Amino acid sequence: MQKRVTTTEIIELVKRLPGAEQHIFEWQGKQCITDEWLVGSFAGCSFEDTTLEKAADNMIDYLYEHIGHNSMVGNIVTKSGFPDLKAVEKYCTPVEIEEVG
């Protein structure tokens, strides 16, 4: 069985992805992190708490709850390979398109 994803691991992953500043931010005195980096803005949620680590832990719980769930979020979380963060990062990283010409 794979070990549980830690808050540090997920925060570091989100910070490496394009548009990280849109997914980790402060709002009305709360620390926030979204899962839009994975599931997109249509299905995404924002998680907030007094610290970024607590907010990230809430997001991690949410992602685990959706593994295998028959929903848009569940399908994406499962397809991404979560909780394997190397697979998730590969899933979320834009593919370089080589110009022909």
PDB file of N, CA and C in Angstrom:
ATOM      1  N   MET A   1       0.840  -1.188   0.000  1.00  0.00           N
ATOM      2  CA  MET A   1       0.000   0.000   0.000  1.00  0.00           C
ATOM      3  C   MET A   1       0.883   1.248   0.000  1.00  0.00           C
ATOM      4  N   GLN A   2       0.538   2.197  -0.828  1.00  0.00           N
ATOM      5  CA  GLN A   2       1.294   3.439  -0.950  1.00  0.00           C
ATOM      6  C   GLN A   2       1.036   4.331   0.260  1.00  0.00           C
ATOM      7  N   LYS A   3       2.103   5.032   0.721  1.00  0.00           N
ATOM      8  CA  LYS A   3       1.935   5.925   1.868  1.00  0.00           C
ATOM      9  C   LYS A   3       1.058   7.109   1.485  1.00  0.00           C
ATOM     10  N   ARG A   4       0.406   7.672   2.478  1.00  0.00           N
ATOM     11  CA  ARG A   4      -0.479   8.811   2.251  1.00  0.00           C
ATOM     12  C   ARG A   4       0.321  10.028   1.792  1.00  0.00           C
ATOM     13  N   VAL A   5      -0.231  10.770   0.865  1.00  0.00           N
ATOM     14  CA  VAL A   5       0.366  12.004   0.377  1.00  0.00           C
ATOM     15  C   VAL A   5       0.455  12.989   1.542  1.00  0.00           C
ATOM     16  N   THR A   6       1.584  13.661   1.668  1.00  0.00           N
ATOM     17  CA  THR A   6       1.745  14.641   2.747  1.00  0.00           C
ATOM     18  C   THR A   6       1.415  16.038   2.228  1.00  0.00           C
ATOM     19  N   THR A   7       1.146  16.933   3.153  1.00  0.00           N
ATOM     20  CA  THR A   7       0.851  18.323   2.777  1.00  0.00           C
ATOM     21  C   THR A   7       2.050  18.957   2.076  1.00  0.00           C
ATOM     22  N   THR A   8       3.239  18.685   2.554  1.00  0.00           N
ATOM     23  CA  THR A   8       4.442  19.242   1.937  1.00  0.00           C
ATOM     24  C   THR A   8       4.570  18.772   0.494  1.00  0.00           C
ATOM     25  N   GLU A   9       4.340  17.491   0.256  1.00  0.00           N
ATOM     26  CA  GLU A   9       4.453  16.946  -1.101  1.00  0.00           C
ATOM     27  C   GLU A   9       3.453  17.586  -2.057  1.00  0.00           C
ATOM     28  N   ILE A  10       2.206  17.742  -1.624  1.00  0.00           N
ATOM     29  CA  ILE A  10       1.189  18.295  -2.522  1.00  0.00           C
ATOM     30  C   ILE A  10       1.424  19.788  -2.759  1.00  0.00           C
ATOM     31  N   ILE A  11       1.837  20.519  -1.740  1.00  0.00           N
ATOM     32  CA  ILE A  11       2.125  21.949  -1.900  1.00  0.00           C
ATOM     33  C   ILE A  11       3.297  22.135  -2.856  1.00  0.00           C
ATOM     34  N   GLU A  12       4.352  21.338  -2.685  1.00  0.00           N
ATOM     35  CA  GLU A  12       5.501  21.429  -3.583  1.00  0.00           C
ATOM     36  C   GLU A  12       5.108  21.104  -5.019  1.00  0.00           C
ATOM     37  N   LEU A  13       4.246  20.100  -5.213  1.00  0.00           N
ATOM     38  CA  LEU A  13       3.771  19.750  -6.547  1.00  0.00           C
ATOM     39  C   LEU A  13       3.026  20.925  -7.173  1.00  0.00           C
ATOM     40  N   VAL A  14       2.078  21.484  -6.456  1.00  0.00           N
ATOM     41  CA  VAL A  14       1.284  22.587  -7.000  1.00  0.00           C
ATOM     42  C   VAL A  14       2.187  23.770  -7.341  1.00  0.00           C
ATOM     43  N   LYS A  15       3.182  24.043  -6.525  1.00  0.00           N
ATOM     44  CA  LYS A  15       4.101  25.161  -6.781  1.00  0.00           C
ATOM     45  C   LYS A  15       4.937  24.943  -8.044  1.00  0.00           C
ATOM     46  N   ARG A  16       5.163  23.691  -8.438  1.00  0.00           N
ATOM     47  CA  ARG A  16       5.938  23.403  -9.650  1.00  0.00           C
ATOM     48  C   ARG A  16       5.101  23.505 -10.921  1.00  0.00           C
ATOM     49  N   LEU A  17       3.797  23.463 -10.803  1.00  0.00           N
ATOM     50  CA  LEU A  17       2.929  23.452 -11.971  1.00  0.00           C
ATOM     51  C   LEU A  17       2.701  24.854 -12.519  1.00  0.00           C
ATOM     52  N   PRO A  18       2.403  24.950 -13.821  1.00  0.00           N
ATOM     53  CA  PRO A  18       2.095  26.263 -14.403  1.00  0.00           C
ATOM     54  C   PRO A  18       0.895  26.901 -13.692  1.00  0.00           C
ATOM     55  N   GLY A  19       0.961  28.209 -13.467  1.00  0.00           N
ATOM     56  CA  GLY A  19      -0.148  28.924 -12.850  1.00  0.00           C
ATOM     57  C   GLY A  19      -0.299  28.699 -11.358  1.00  0.00           C
ATOM     58  N   ALA A  20       0.785  28.315 -10.693  1.00  0.00           N
ATOM     59  CA  ALA A  20       0.719  28.004  -9.263  1.00  0.00           C
ATOM     60  C   ALA A  20       0.123  29.142  -8.445  1.00  0.00           C
ATOM     61  N   GLU A  21       0.428  30.383  -8.830  1.00  0.00           N
ATOM     62  CA  GLU A  21      -0.068  31.536  -8.072  1.00  0.00           C
ATOM     63  C   GLU A  21      -1.596  31.628  -8.110  1.00  0.00           C
ATOM     64  N   GLN A  22      -2.227  30.974  -9.043  1.00  0.00           N
ATOM     65  CA  GLN A  22      -3.692  30.955  -9.107  1.00  0.00           C
ATOM     66  C   GLN A  22      -4.277  29.887  -8.185  1.00  0.00           C
ATOM     67  N   HIS A  23      -3.444  28.953  -7.748  1.00  0.00           N
ATOM     68  CA  HIS A  23      -3.924  27.820  -6.964  1.00  0.00           C
ATOM     69  C   HIS A  23      -3.496  27.851  -5.504  1.00  0.00           C
ATOM     70  N   ILE A  24      -2.560  28.723  -5.167  1.00  0.00           N
ATOM     71  CA  ILE A  24      -2.135  28.919  -3.781  1.00  0.00           C
ATOM     72  C   ILE A  24      -2.150  30.421  -3.540  1.00  0.00           C
ATOM     73  N   PHE A  25      -2.998  30.856  -2.594  1.00  0.00           N
ATOM     74  CA  PHE A  25      -3.152  32.294  -2.385  1.00  0.00           C
ATOM     75  C   PHE A  25      -3.773  32.561  -1.027  1.00  0.00           C
ATOM     76  N   GLU A  26      -3.778  33.824  -0.645  1.00  0.00           N
ATOM     77  CA  GLU A  26      -4.449  34.249   0.587  1.00  0.00           C
ATOM     78  C   GLU A  26      -5.708  34.997   0.184  1.00  0.00           C
ATOM     79  N   TRP A  27      -6.793  34.739   0.898  1.00  0.00           N
ATOM     80  CA  TRP A  27      -8.064  35.412   0.629  1.00  0.00           C
ATOM     81  C   TRP A  27      -8.764  35.691   1.946  1.00  0.00           C
ATOM     82  N   GLN A  28      -9.066  36.923   2.191  1.00  0.00           N
ATOM     83  CA  GLN A  28      -9.740  37.377   3.411  1.00  0.00           C
ATOM     84  C   GLN A  28      -9.100  36.799   4.672  1.00  0.00           C
ATOM     85  N   GLY A  29      -7.772  36.851   4.711  1.00  0.00           N
ATOM     86  CA  GLY A  29      -7.030  36.402   5.885  1.00  0.00           C
ATOM     87  C   GLY A  29      -6.869  34.896   6.004  1.00  0.00           C
ATOM     88  N   LYS A  30      -7.354  34.135   5.044  1.00  0.00           N
ATOM     89  CA  LYS A  30      -7.227  32.670   5.068  1.00  0.00           C
ATOM     90  C   LYS A  30      -6.223  32.230   4.012  1.00  0.00           C
ATOM     91  N   GLN A  31      -5.553  31.134   4.287  1.00  0.00           N
ATOM     92  CA  GLN A  31      -4.659  30.515   3.312  1.00  0.00           C
ATOM     93  C   GLN A  31      -5.488  29.544   2.471  1.00  0.00           C
ATOM     94  N   CYS A  32      -5.313  29.619   1.151  1.00  0.00           N
ATOM     95  CA  CYS A  32      -6.151  28.829   0.240  1.00  0.00           C
ATOM     96  C   CYS A  32      -5.311  28.037  -0.753  1.00  0.00           C
ATOM     97  N   ILE A  33      -5.859  26.906  -1.137  1.00  0.00           N
ATOM     98  CA  ILE A  33      -5.300  26.094  -2.214  1.00  0.00           C
ATOM     99  C   ILE A  33      -6.481  25.495  -2.964  1.00  0.00           C
ATOM    100  N   THR A  34      -6.388  25.472  -4.291  1.00  0.00           N
ATOM    101  CA  THR A  34      -7.473  24.889  -5.076  1.00  0.00           C
ATOM    102  C   THR A  34      -7.016  23.567  -5.685  1.00  0.00           C
ATOM    103  N   ASP A  35      -7.988  22.787  -6.131  1.00  0.00           N
ATOM    104  CA  ASP A  35      -7.664  21.575  -6.884  1.00  0.00           C
ATOM    105  C   ASP A  35      -7.898  21.782  -8.383  1.00  0.00           C
ATOM    106  N   GLU A  36      -8.057  23.038  -8.790  1.00  0.00           N
ATOM    107  CA  GLU A  36      -8.277  23.340 -10.202  1.00  0.00           C
ATOM    108  C   GLU A  36      -7.083  22.955 -11.064  1.00  0.00           C
ATOM    109  N   TRP A  37      -5.897  22.911 -10.506  1.00  0.00           N
ATOM    110  CA  TRP A  37      -4.697  22.482 -11.229  1.00  0.00           C
ATOM    111  C   TRP A  37      -4.855  21.054 -11.739  1.00  0.00           C
ATOM    112  N   LEU A  38      -5.724  20.280 -11.092  1.00  0.00           N
ATOM    113  CA  LEU A  38      -5.959  18.890 -11.481  1.00  0.00           C
ATOM    114  C   LEU A  38      -7.282  18.721 -12.207  1.00  0.00           C
ATOM    115  N   VAL A  39      -8.368  19.237 -11.630  1.00  0.00           N
ATOM    116  CA  VAL A  39      -9.706  18.945 -12.172  1.00  0.00           C
ATOM    117  C   VAL A  39     -10.295  20.072 -13.010  1.00  0.00           C
ATOM    118  N   GLY A  40      -9.606  21.198 -13.114  1.00  0.00           N
ATOM    119  CA  GLY A  40     -10.103  22.314 -13.916  1.00  0.00           C
ATOM    120  C   GLY A  40     -11.043  23.210 -13.133  1.00  0.00           C
ATOM    121  N   SER A  41     -11.336  24.362 -13.712  1.00  0.00           N
ATOM    122  CA  SER A  41     -12.143  25.355 -12.997  1.00  0.00           C
ATOM    123  C   SER A  41     -13.620  24.979 -12.921  1.00  0.00           C
ATOM    124  N   PHE A  42     -14.113  24.193 -13.852  1.00  0.00           N
ATOM    125  CA  PHE A  42     -15.521  23.806 -13.828  1.00  0.00           C
ATOM    126  C   PHE A  42     -15.836  22.909 -12.633  1.00  0.00           C
ATOM    127  N   ALA A  43     -14.930  21.999 -12.329  1.00  0.00           N
ATOM    128  CA  ALA A  43     -15.158  21.045 -11.236  1.00  0.00           C
ATOM    129  C   ALA A  43     -14.324  21.345  -9.999  1.00  0.00           C
ATOM    130  N   GLY A  44     -13.503  22.388 -10.058  1.00  0.00           N
ATOM    131  CA  GLY A  44     -12.580  22.662  -8.969  1.00  0.00           C
ATOM    132  C   GLY A  44     -13.204  23.246  -7.724  1.00  0.00           C
ATOM    133  N   CYS A  45     -12.482  23.078  -6.630  1.00  0.00           N
ATOM    134  CA  CYS A  45     -12.883  23.617  -5.323  1.00  0.00           C
ATOM    135  C   CYS A  45     -11.697  24.362  -4.730  1.00  0.00           C
ATOM    136  N   SER A  46     -12.001  25.290  -3.856  1.00  0.00           N
ATOM    137  CA  SER A  46     -10.974  25.987  -3.101  1.00  0.00           C
ATOM    138  C   SER A  46     -11.075  25.522  -1.651  1.00  0.00           C
ATOM    139  N   PHE A  47      -9.941  25.241  -1.071  1.00  0.00           N
ATOM    140  CA  PHE A  47      -9.882  24.779   0.316  1.00  0.00           C
ATOM    141  C   PHE A  47      -9.155  25.850   1.106  1.00  0.00           C
ATOM    142  N   GLU A  48      -9.734  26.269   2.231  1.00  0.00           N
ATOM    143  CA  GLU A  48      -9.141  27.352   3.010  1.00  0.00           C
ATOM    144  C   GLU A  48      -9.061  26.967   4.479  1.00  0.00           C
ATOM    145  N   ASP A  49      -8.059  27.531   5.147  1.00  0.00           N
ATOM    146  CA  ASP A  49      -7.892  27.319   6.580  1.00  0.00           C
ATOM    147  C   ASP A  49      -6.913  28.370   7.094  1.00  0.00           C
ATOM    148  N   THR A  50      -6.569  28.273   8.355  1.00  0.00           N
ATOM    149  CA  THR A  50      -5.679  29.264   8.957  1.00  0.00           C
ATOM    150  C   THR A  50      -4.246  29.126   8.463  1.00  0.00           C
ATOM    151  N   THR A  51      -3.851  27.928   8.013  1.00  0.00           N
ATOM    152  CA  THR A  51      -2.527  27.715   7.431  1.00  0.00           C
ATOM    153  C   THR A  51      -2.695  27.006   6.091  1.00  0.00           C
ATOM    154  N   LEU A  52      -1.697  27.180   5.235  1.00  0.00           N
ATOM    155  CA  LEU A  52      -1.707  26.506   3.942  1.00  0.00           C
ATOM    156  C   LEU A  52      -1.676  24.987   4.129  1.00  0.00           C
ATOM    157  N   GLU A  53      -0.952  24.526   5.128  1.00  0.00           N
ATOM    158  CA  GLU A  53      -0.857  23.087   5.382  1.00  0.00           C
ATOM    159  C   GLU A  53      -2.213  22.490   5.747  1.00  0.00           C
ATOM    160  N   LYS A  54      -2.988  23.184   6.568  1.00  0.00           N
ATOM    161  CA  LYS A  54      -4.327  22.690   6.924  1.00  0.00           C
ATOM    162  C   LYS A  54      -5.248  22.698   5.718  1.00  0.00           C
ATOM    163  N   ALA A  55      -5.163  23.748   4.904  1.00  0.00           N
ATOM    164  CA  ALA A  55      -5.979  23.814   3.692  1.00  0.00           C
ATOM    165  C   ALA A  55      -5.600  22.688   2.737  1.00  0.00           C
ATOM    166  N   ALA A  56      -4.298  22.452   2.578  1.00  0.00           N
ATOM    167  CA  ALA A  56      -3.826  21.380   1.694  1.00  0.00           C
ATOM    168  C   ALA A  56      -4.258  20.015   2.208  1.00  0.00           C
ATOM    169  N   ASP A  57      -4.259  19.828   3.523  1.00  0.00           N
ATOM    170  CA  ASP A  57      -4.702  18.553   4.095  1.00  0.00           C
ATOM    171  C   ASP A  57      -6.178  18.313   3.793  1.00  0.00           C
ATOM    172  N   ASN A  58      -6.985  19.373   3.838  1.00  0.00           N
ATOM    173  CA  ASN A  58      -8.403  19.244   3.485  1.00  0.00           C
ATOM    174  C   ASN A  58      -8.558  18.842   2.016  1.00  0.00           C
ATOM    175  N   MET A  59      -7.724  19.418   1.147  1.00  0.00           N
ATOM    176  CA  MET A  59      -7.769  19.068  -0.273  1.00  0.00           C
ATOM    177  C   MET A  59      -7.342  17.617  -0.482  1.00  0.00           C
ATOM    178  N   ILE A  60      -6.310  17.188   0.219  1.00  0.00           N
ATOM    179  CA  ILE A  60      -5.849  15.804   0.108  1.00  0.00           C
ATOM    180  C   ILE A  60      -6.969  14.841   0.504  1.00  0.00           C
ATOM    181  N   ASP A  61      -7.648  15.115   1.615  1.00  0.00           N
ATOM    182  CA  ASP A  61      -8.776  14.276   2.035  1.00  0.00           C
ATOM    183  C   ASP A  61      -9.828  14.199   0.932  1.00  0.00           C
ATOM    184  N   TYR A  62     -10.141  15.340   0.339  1.00  0.00           N
ATOM    185  CA  TYR A  62     -11.139  15.419  -0.734  1.00  0.00           C
ATOM    186  C   TYR A  62     -10.713  14.566  -1.935  1.00  0.00           C
ATOM    187  N   LEU A  63      -9.444  14.668  -2.319  1.00  0.00           N
ATOM    188  CA  LEU A  63      -8.964  13.887  -3.464  1.00  0.00           C
ATOM    189  C   LEU A  63      -9.029  12.385  -3.170  1.00  0.00           C
ATOM    190  N   TYR A  64      -8.623  11.977  -1.980  1.00  0.00           N
ATOM    191  CA  TYR A  64      -8.716  10.556  -1.609  1.00  0.00           C
ATOM    192  C   TYR A  64     -10.166  10.068  -1.649  1.00  0.00           C
ATOM    193  N   GLU A  65     -11.092  10.884  -1.174  1.00  0.00           N
ATOM    194  CA  GLU A  65     -12.506  10.502  -1.166  1.00  0.00           C
ATOM    195  C   GLU A  65     -13.048  10.277  -2.571  1.00  0.00           C
ATOM    196  N   HIS A  66     -12.406  10.887  -3.564  1.00  0.00           N
ATOM    197  CA  HIS A  66     -12.919  10.800  -4.932  1.00  0.00           C
ATOM    198  C   HIS A  66     -12.230   9.745  -5.799  1.00  0.00           C
ATOM    199  N   ILE A  67     -11.245   9.043  -5.271  1.00  0.00           N
ATOM    200  CA  ILE A  67     -10.629   7.968  -6.049  1.00  0.00           C
ATOM    201  C   ILE A  67     -11.704   6.932  -6.365  1.00  0.00           C
ATOM    202  N   GLY A  68     -11.889   6.665  -7.649  1.00  0.00           N
ATOM    203  CA  GLY A  68     -12.860   5.662  -8.077  1.00  0.00           C
ATOM    204  C   GLY A  68     -14.304   6.111  -8.032  1.00  0.00           C
ATOM    205  N   HIS A  69     -14.567   7.345  -7.606  1.00  0.00           N
ATOM    206  CA  HIS A  69     -15.939   7.846  -7.523  1.00  0.00           C
ATOM    207  C   HIS A  69     -16.474   8.099  -8.927  1.00  0.00           C
ATOM    208  N   ASN A  70     -17.716   7.747  -9.164  1.00  0.00           N
ATOM    209  CA  ASN A  70     -18.331   7.926 -10.482  1.00  0.00           C
ATOM    210  C   ASN A  70     -18.836   9.358 -10.622  1.00  0.00           C
ATOM    211  N   SER A  71     -17.898  10.259 -10.868  1.00  0.00           N
ATOM    212  CA  SER A  71     -18.198  11.675 -11.049  1.00  0.00           C
ATOM    213  C   SER A  71     -17.090  12.280 -11.881  1.00  0.00           C
ATOM    214  N   MET A  72     -17.272  13.526 -12.290  1.00  0.00           N
ATOM    215  CA  MET A  72     -16.238  14.215 -13.061  1.00  0.00           C
ATOM    216  C   MET A  72     -14.937  14.273 -12.265  1.00  0.00           C
ATOM    217  N   VAL A  73     -15.023  14.704 -11.023  1.00  0.00           N
ATOM    218  CA  VAL A  73     -13.831  14.799 -10.180  1.00  0.00           C
ATOM    219  C   VAL A  73     -13.232  13.412  -9.962  1.00  0.00           C
ATOM    220  N   GLY A  74     -14.062  12.448  -9.643  1.00  0.00           N
ATOM    221  CA  GLY A  74     -13.579  11.094  -9.406  1.00  0.00           C
ATOM    222  C   GLY A  74     -12.882  10.501 -10.614  1.00  0.00           C
ATOM    223  N   ASN A  75     -13.433  10.721 -11.792  1.00  0.00           N
ATOM    224  CA  ASN A  75     -12.814  10.201 -13.009  1.00  0.00           C
ATOM    225  C   ASN A  75     -11.437  10.818 -13.241  1.00  0.00           C
ATOM    226  N   ILE A  76     -11.317  12.131 -13.034  1.00  0.00           N
ATOM    227  CA  ILE A  76     -10.034  12.809 -13.251  1.00  0.00           C
ATOM    228  C   ILE A  76      -9.016  12.388 -12.194  1.00  0.00           C
ATOM    229  N   VAL A  77      -9.427  12.356 -10.937  1.00  0.00           N
ATOM    230  CA  VAL A  77      -8.514  11.964  -9.860  1.00  0.00           C
ATOM    231  C   VAL A  77      -7.991  10.555 -10.119  1.00  0.00           C
ATOM    232  N   THR A  78      -8.869   9.652 -10.499  1.00  0.00           N
ATOM    233  CA  THR A  78      -8.476   8.276 -10.757  1.00  0.00           C
ATOM    234  C   THR A  78      -7.578   8.182 -11.984  1.00  0.00           C
ATOM    235  N   LYS A  79      -7.955   8.848 -13.070  1.00  0.00           N
ATOM    236  CA  LYS A  79      -7.179   8.812 -14.312  1.00  0.00           C
ATOM    237  C   LYS A  79      -5.781   9.414 -14.125  1.00  0.00           C
ATOM    238  N   SER A  80      -5.660  10.411 -13.252  1.00  0.00           N
ATOM    239  CA  SER A  80      -4.371  11.069 -13.028  1.00  0.00           C
ATOM    240  C   SER A  80      -3.363  10.170 -12.333  1.00  0.00           C
ATOM    241  N   GLY A  81      -3.848   9.134 -11.669  1.00  0.00           N
ATOM    242  CA  GLY A  81      -2.968   8.237 -10.930  1.00  0.00           C
ATOM    243  C   GLY A  81      -2.827   8.577  -9.460  1.00  0.00           C
ATOM    244  N   PHE A  82      -3.573   9.580  -8.986  1.00  0.00           N
ATOM    245  CA  PHE A  82      -3.512   9.960  -7.574  1.00  0.00           C
ATOM    246  C   PHE A  82      -3.751   8.719  -6.725  1.00  0.00           C
ATOM    247  N   PRO A  83      -2.958   8.472  -5.710  1.00  0.00           N
ATOM    248  CA  PRO A  83      -2.040   9.333  -4.970  1.00  0.00           C
ATOM    249  C   PRO A  83      -0.575   9.279  -5.426  1.00  0.00           C
ATOM    250  N   ASP A  84      -0.274   8.669  -6.562  1.00  0.00           N
ATOM    251  CA  ASP A  84       1.087   8.665  -7.098  1.00  0.00           C
ATOM    252  C   ASP A  84       1.373  10.051  -7.672  1.00  0.00           C
ATOM    253  N   LEU A  85       2.070  10.890  -6.913  1.00  0.00           N
ATOM    254  CA  LEU A  85       2.265  12.279  -7.319  1.00  0.00           C
ATOM    255  C   LEU A  85       3.168  12.428  -8.534  1.00  0.00           C
ATOM    256  N   LYS A  86       4.037  11.466  -8.806  1.00  0.00           N
ATOM    257  CA  LYS A  86       4.833  11.518 -10.041  1.00  0.00           C
ATOM    258  C   LYS A  86       3.903  11.353 -11.247  1.00  0.00           C
ATOM    259  N   ALA A  87       2.958  10.439 -11.149  1.00  0.00           N
ATOM    260  CA  ALA A  87       1.978  10.240 -12.228  1.00  0.00           C
ATOM    261  C   ALA A  87       1.085  11.466 -12.357  1.00  0.00           C
ATOM    262  N   VAL A  88       0.675  12.044 -11.234  1.00  0.00           N
ATOM    263  CA  VAL A  88      -0.176  13.237 -11.252  1.00  0.00           C
ATOM    264  C   VAL A  88       0.562  14.396 -11.914  1.00  0.00           C
ATOM    265  N   GLU A  89       1.833  14.592 -11.569  1.00  0.00           N
ATOM    266  CA  GLU A  89       2.598  15.685 -12.172  1.00  0.00           C
ATOM    267  C   GLU A  89       2.713  15.490 -13.682  1.00  0.00           C
ATOM    268  N   LYS A  90       2.960  14.276 -14.107  1.00  0.00           N
ATOM    269  CA  LYS A  90       3.039  13.991 -15.545  1.00  0.00           C
ATOM    270  C   LYS A  90       1.686  14.276 -16.211  1.00  0.00           C
ATOM    271  N   TYR A  91       0.614  13.880 -15.554  1.00  0.00           N
ATOM    272  CA  TYR A  91      -0.744  14.108 -16.069  1.00  0.00           C
ATOM    273  C   TYR A  91      -1.036  15.601 -16.217  1.00  0.00           C
ATOM    274  N   CYS A  92      -0.518  16.412 -15.302  1.00  0.00           N
ATOM    275  CA  CYS A  92      -0.815  17.849 -15.271  1.00  0.00           C
ATOM    276  C   CYS A  92       0.167  18.709 -16.058  1.00  0.00           C
ATOM    277  N   THR A  93       1.262  18.140 -16.508  1.00  0.00           N
ATOM    278  CA  THR A  93       2.282  18.921 -17.190  1.00  0.00           C
ATOM    279  C   THR A  93       1.957  19.014 -18.674  1.00  0.00           C
ATOM    280  N   PRO A  94       1.927  20.238 -19.193  1.00  0.00           N
ATOM    281  CA  PRO A  94       1.633  20.411 -20.621  1.00  0.00           C
ATOM    282  C   PRO A  94       2.657  19.693 -21.492  1.00  0.00           C
ATOM    283  N   VAL A  95       2.204  19.136 -22.569  1.00  0.00           N
ATOM    284  CA  VAL A  95       3.062  18.445 -23.514  1.00  0.00           C
ATOM    285  C   VAL A  95       3.685  19.476 -24.456  1.00  0.00           C
ATOM    286  N   GLU A  96       4.960  19.384 -24.666  1.00  0.00           N
ATOM    287  CA  GLU A  96       5.642  20.259 -25.621  1.00  0.00           C
ATOM    288  C   GLU A  96       5.263  19.827 -27.020  1.00  0.00           C
ATOM    289  N   ILE A  97       4.800  20.747 -27.834  1.00  0.00           N
ATOM    290  CA  ILE A  97       4.430  20.454 -29.207  1.00  0.00           C
ATOM    291  C   ILE A  97       5.522  21.004 -30.110  1.00  0.00           C
ATOM    292  N   GLU A  98       6.096  20.135 -30.897  1.00  0.00           N
ATOM    293  CA  GLU A  98       7.176  20.535 -31.787  1.00  0.00           C
ATOM    294  C   GLU A  98       6.604  21.179 -33.030  1.00  0.00           C
ATOM    295  N   GLU A  99       7.160  22.328 -33.374  1.00  0.00           N
ATOM    296  CA  GLU A  99       6.696  23.021 -34.577  1.00  0.00           C
ATOM    297  C   GLU A  99       7.244  22.312 -35.802  1.00  0.00           C
ATOM    298  N   VAL A 100       6.392  22.190 -36.794  1.00  0.00           N
ATOM    299  CA  VAL A 100       6.798  21.602 -38.059  1.00  0.00           C
ATOM    300  C   VAL A 100       6.963  22.733 -39.063  1.00  0.00           C
ATOM    301  N   GLY A 101       8.032  22.683 -39.786  1.00  0.00           N
ATOM    302  CA  GLY A 101       8.147  23.730 -40.783  1.00  0.00           C
ATOM    303  C   GLY A 101       9.496  24.071 -41.077  1.00  0.00           C
TER     304      GLY A 101
END
